[in-house]
Amino acid sequence: MGEWSHSTPLGTSVCLVQMRRVKLELSASFFIKFSGLKV
């Protein structure tokens, strides 16, 4: 399952979800830092 998981729709969807989660965490931390600087 580990080798051909990237070619399957399930593997790609999982990768997309993980990337989306990382983007949300980065934007959230950036927003917190930005709001902290403004205040």
Protein backbone atom coordinates (compact mmCIF):
# COMPACT_ATOMS: atom_id res chain seq x y z
CA MET A 1 0.00 0.00 0.00
CA GLY A 2 2.93 2.33 0.61
CA GLU A 3 4.52 2.09 -2.86
CA TRP A 4 1.46 2.46 -5.11
CA SER A 5 -0.60 4.60 -2.73
CA HIS A 6 0.34 7.75 -4.66
CA SER A 7 -1.19 6.47 -7.91
CA THR A 8 -4.53 5.62 -6.27
CA PRO A 9 -7.29 8.24 -5.81
CA LEU A 10 -7.27 7.54 -2.08
CA GLY A 11 -3.56 8.27 -1.81
CA THR A 12 -3.84 11.50 -3.80
CA SER A 13 -6.81 12.65 -1.72
CA VAL A 14 -4.89 11.96 1.48
CA CYS A 15 -1.91 13.94 0.17
CA LEU A 16 -4.21 16.83 -0.76
CA VAL A 17 -5.80 16.79 2.68
CA GLN A 18 -2.39 16.82 4.37
CA MET A 19 -1.20 19.72 2.17
CA ARG A 20 -4.41 21.64 2.93
CA ARG A 21 -3.91 21.04 6.65
CA VAL A 22 -0.32 22.33 6.49
CA LYS A 23 -1.47 25.43 4.57
CA LEU A 24 -4.15 26.10 7.20
CA GLU A 25 -1.62 25.78 10.03
CA LEU A 26 0.86 28.09 8.28
CA SER A 27 -1.79 30.72 7.53
CA ALA A 28 -3.11 30.49 11.10
CA SER A 29 0.34 30.98 12.64
CA PHE A 30 1.06 33.85 10.23
CA PHE A 31 -2.27 35.48 11.09
CA ILE A 32 -1.54 35.16 14.82
CA LYS A 33 1.91 36.73 14.41
CA PHE A 34 0.53 39.51 12.20
CA SER A 35 -2.32 40.32 14.60
CA GLY A 36 0.15 40.25 17.50
CA LEU A 37 2.37 42.79 15.74
CA LYS A 38 -0.59 45.08 15.02
CA VAL A 39 -1.72 44.94 18.67
